[in-house]
Amino acid sequence: MPGFFFSHNDMTELNGKDDCKLAEGKIHKKKQKAFGADLKNYLRCMVPHIESGIKTSNSRSVMLSAEEVIQWSQSLEKLLASQSGQGVFREFLKSEFSEENIEFWLACEDYKKTKSDHLHGKAERIYEEFVQSDAIKQINIDYQMREATAKKAQHPTHTSFDEVQKTVYILMERDSYPRFLKSKAYLNLLNQLQVNNSK
């Protein structure tokens, strides 16, 4: 079933209410308790739209089902294969101030699909944004891996970031993903969809 990505534009079009401010991408680093309330409001304003189906640009109706949300619990791979899963997981990572991990992973996925003549520019951007020691969204890797990645980025190939991407994936899989599955955000979304399916 096709997923649906919680992009900035989609979210602002869906609902203009004040309690959907999170949907406009306005999460600031604040107490996790306040974030939990924001995420609950975000999911509350998203679920009715998800249930009724969203018209995509090609006029197909995209719906998020309880079955898809249950599949997210089978593996991190299945969660990340779903665009809507990526969106909900990203919001959860923001609550833990570690959204750079999924952003880096997604940037690497995009990088692998890049045409050869654009590799150098993208490699440089990924390195500057996520890898270098003073990067704004610095990922948590050791010095040796940071140095090795720097060398690979200077002479980029489609596999330049594979090793560090795998490291970040394992970090999410062992650390953030289990907490996500136990989080109120995930459990409430699943419960809401199951309740709606049983009506």
Protein backbone atom coordinates (compact mmCIF):
# COMPACT_ATOMS: atom_id res chain seq x y z
CA MET A 1 0.00 0.00 0.00
CA PRO A 2 1.51 3.37 -0.88
CA GLY A 3 2.46 5.55 2.06
CA PHE A 4 2.06 9.24 2.38
CA PHE A 5 4.78 11.61 3.43
CA PHE A 6 4.12 14.33 5.96
CA SER A 7 5.78 17.10 4.00
CA HIS A 8 5.58 20.74 5.07
CA ASN A 9 3.24 21.67 2.21
CA ASP A 10 0.86 18.74 2.75
CA MET A 11 0.57 19.49 6.41
CA THR A 12 -0.18 23.18 6.07
CA GLU A 13 -2.85 22.44 3.48
CA LEU A 14 -4.49 19.79 5.63
CA ASN A 15 -5.41 21.82 8.66
CA GLY A 16 -4.93 25.42 9.66
CA LYS A 17 -5.97 25.05 13.31
CA ASP A 18 -3.66 26.28 16.03
CA ASP A 19 -3.36 22.81 17.55
CA CYS A 20 -1.73 21.62 14.31
CA LYS A 21 1.25 23.99 14.60
CA LEU A 22 3.48 20.93 14.79
CA ALA A 23 2.23 19.96 11.37
CA GLU A 24 3.76 23.16 10.04
CA GLY A 25 7.18 21.93 11.11
CA LYS A 26 7.42 24.31 14.07
CA ILE A 27 8.95 21.96 16.63
CA HIS A 28 11.47 23.71 18.79
CA LYS A 29 13.82 22.14 21.26
CA LYS A 30 11.67 22.22 24.37
CA LYS A 31 10.70 19.89 27.15
CA GLN A 32 9.69 16.42 25.99
CA LYS A 33 6.42 16.72 27.92
CA ALA A 34 5.42 19.69 25.79
CA PHE A 35 6.56 17.82 22.71
CA GLY A 36 4.33 14.88 23.64
CA ALA A 37 1.32 17.20 23.67
CA ASP A 38 2.37 18.64 20.31
CA LEU A 39 2.79 15.19 18.78
CA LYS A 40 -0.59 14.11 20.14
CA ASN A 41 -2.19 17.16 18.49
CA TYR A 42 -0.26 16.44 15.28
CA LEU A 43 -1.55 12.86 15.17
CA ARG A 44 -5.06 13.98 16.15
CA CYS A 45 -5.20 16.38 13.22
CA MET A 46 -3.58 13.87 10.84
CA VAL A 47 -5.69 10.79 11.60
CA PRO A 48 -9.03 12.09 10.23
CA HIS A 49 -7.30 13.02 6.96
CA ILE A 50 -5.53 9.69 6.80
CA GLU A 51 -8.80 7.81 7.36
CA SER A 52 -10.70 9.71 4.72
CA GLY A 53 -7.87 9.38 2.23
CA ILE A 54 -5.63 12.08 0.87
CA LYS A 55 -5.69 13.07 -2.76
CA THR A 56 -2.18 12.97 -4.10
CA SER A 57 -0.85 14.90 -7.06
CA ASN A 58 -1.78 12.05 -9.40
CA SER A 59 -5.31 11.95 -7.94
CA ARG A 60 -4.92 8.56 -6.28
CA SER A 61 -6.28 8.21 -2.79
CA VAL A 62 -3.61 7.32 -0.23
CA MET A 63 -4.72 5.87 3.09
CA LEU A 64 -2.86 4.82 6.20
CA SER A 65 -4.24 1.61 7.65
CA ALA A 66 -3.80 -0.17 10.96
CA GLU A 67 -2.21 -3.06 9.02
CA GLU A 68 0.51 -0.76 7.66
CA VAL A 69 1.17 0.73 11.10
CA ILE A 70 1.40 -2.80 12.57
CA GLN A 71 3.97 -3.67 9.88
CA TRP A 72 6.18 -0.84 11.14
CA SER A 73 6.71 -2.93 14.31
CA GLN A 74 8.13 -5.87 12.32
CA SER A 75 11.41 -4.13 11.46
CA LEU A 76 13.01 -0.73 11.07
CA GLU A 77 13.37 -1.57 7.38
CA LYS A 78 9.57 -1.85 7.02
CA LEU A 79 9.06 1.38 8.95
CA LEU A 80 11.49 3.28 6.71
CA ALA A 81 10.00 1.74 3.55
CA SER A 82 6.76 3.60 4.37
CA GLN A 83 6.76 7.34 3.69
CA SER A 84 4.15 7.88 6.38
CA GLY A 85 6.25 5.72 8.71
CA GLN A 86 9.26 7.91 7.97
CA GLY A 87 7.20 10.99 8.87
CA VAL A 88 5.95 9.65 12.21
CA PHE A 89 9.38 8.23 13.12
CA ARG A 90 11.04 11.53 12.26
CA GLU A 91 8.65 13.38 14.61
CA PHE A 92 9.51 10.88 17.34
CA LEU A 93 13.26 11.37 16.76
CA LYS A 94 12.73 15.14 17.03
CA SER A 95 11.38 14.53 20.54
CA GLU A 96 14.69 12.83 21.35
CA PHE A 97 16.73 15.49 19.54
CA SER A 98 18.17 12.88 17.17
CA GLU A 99 16.33 13.60 13.91
CA GLU A 100 19.70 14.03 12.19
CA ASN A 101 19.93 10.22 12.03
CA ILE A 102 16.88 9.71 9.81
CA GLU A 103 17.67 12.84 7.82
CA PHE A 104 21.18 11.51 7.12
CA TRP A 105 19.84 8.06 6.25
CA LEU A 106 17.31 9.55 3.80
CA ALA A 107 19.99 11.81 2.29
CA CYS A 108 22.13 8.70 1.67
CA GLU A 109 19.20 6.90 0.03
CA ASP A 110 18.71 9.87 -2.27
CA TYR A 111 22.46 10.05 -2.92
CA LYS A 112 22.54 6.45 -4.18
CA LYS A 113 20.03 7.37 -6.90
CA THR A 114 22.02 10.42 -8.02
CA LYS A 115 23.41 10.63 -11.55
CA SER A 116 27.20 10.30 -11.63
CA ASP A 117 27.79 13.88 -12.78
CA HIS A 118 25.96 15.23 -9.69
CA LEU A 119 27.67 12.99 -7.12
CA HIS A 120 30.39 15.45 -6.16
CA GLY A 121 28.00 18.27 -5.22
CA LYS A 122 25.70 15.99 -3.23
CA ALA A 123 28.59 14.26 -1.47
CA GLU A 124 29.97 17.63 -0.42
CA ARG A 125 26.58 18.77 0.88
CA ILE A 126 26.01 15.54 2.87
CA TYR A 127 29.52 15.71 4.32
CA GLU A 128 29.15 19.36 5.37
CA GLU A 129 25.64 18.94 6.78
CA PHE A 130 26.07 15.66 8.68
CA VAL A 131 29.64 14.34 8.86
CA GLN A 132 32.23 17.06 9.41
CA SER A 133 33.15 17.74 13.04
CA ASP A 134 31.29 21.07 13.20
CA ALA A 135 28.29 20.01 11.09
CA ILE A 136 24.94 21.55 12.02
CA LYS A 137 23.26 18.11 12.04
CA GLN A 138 26.31 16.10 13.08
CA ILE A 139 25.71 12.36 13.29
CA ASN A 140 27.22 10.33 16.13
CA ILE A 141 30.18 8.45 14.63
CA ASP A 142 33.75 7.96 15.81
CA TYR A 143 36.77 9.91 14.63
CA GLN A 144 38.11 7.14 12.37
CA MET A 145 34.82 6.77 10.51
CA ARG A 146 34.51 10.55 10.19
CA GLU A 147 37.99 10.74 8.63
CA ALA A 148 37.39 7.76 6.32
CA THR A 149 34.10 9.28 5.15
CA ALA A 150 35.81 12.62 4.50
CA LYS A 151 38.29 10.91 2.16
CA LYS A 152 35.54 9.03 0.33
CA ALA A 153 33.52 12.23 -0.09
CA GLN A 154 36.47 13.90 -1.85
CA HIS A 155 36.38 11.26 -4.60
CA PRO A 156 32.71 10.26 -4.48
CA THR A 157 31.17 7.08 -5.82
CA HIS A 158 27.64 5.76 -5.28
CA THR A 159 28.94 3.76 -2.28
CA SER A 160 30.86 6.58 -0.54
CA PHE A 161 28.45 6.78 2.39
CA ASP A 162 27.41 3.11 2.61
CA GLU A 163 29.50 2.24 5.66
CA VAL A 164 28.50 5.28 7.71
CA GLN A 165 24.85 4.93 6.62
CA LYS A 166 24.86 1.34 7.89
CA THR A 167 26.33 2.52 11.21
CA VAL A 168 23.60 5.14 11.64
CA TYR A 169 20.92 2.59 10.65
CA ILE A 170 22.19 0.15 13.33
CA LEU A 171 22.21 2.98 15.87
CA MET A 172 18.55 3.77 15.11
CA GLU A 173 17.62 0.08 15.03
CA ARG A 174 19.15 -0.71 18.43
CA ASP A 175 18.43 2.54 20.20
CA SER A 176 15.60 4.77 18.93
CA TYR A 177 13.42 2.21 17.11
CA PRO A 178 12.59 0.04 20.18
CA ARG A 179 11.65 3.20 22.13
CA PHE A 180 9.52 4.39 19.21
CA LEU A 181 7.51 1.13 19.28
CA LYS A 182 6.82 1.65 23.01
CA SER A 183 6.07 5.36 22.63
CA LYS A 184 2.64 6.87 23.20
CA ALA A 185 2.86 8.43 19.73
CA TYR A 186 3.08 5.05 17.99
CA LEU A 187 0.68 3.20 20.29
CA ASN A 188 -1.94 5.97 20.18
CA LEU A 189 -1.81 6.13 16.38
CA LEU A 190 -2.17 2.36 16.11
CA ASN A 191 -5.01 2.31 18.63
CA GLN A 192 -6.84 5.14 16.85
CA LEU A 193 -6.66 3.34 13.50
CA GLN A 194 -7.75 0.03 15.02
CA VAL A 195 -10.73 1.69 16.74
CA ASN A 196 -11.76 3.34 13.46
CA ASN A 197 -11.44 0.04 11.56
CA SER A 198 -13.71 -1.71 14.06
CA LYS A 199 -16.50 0.86 13.65
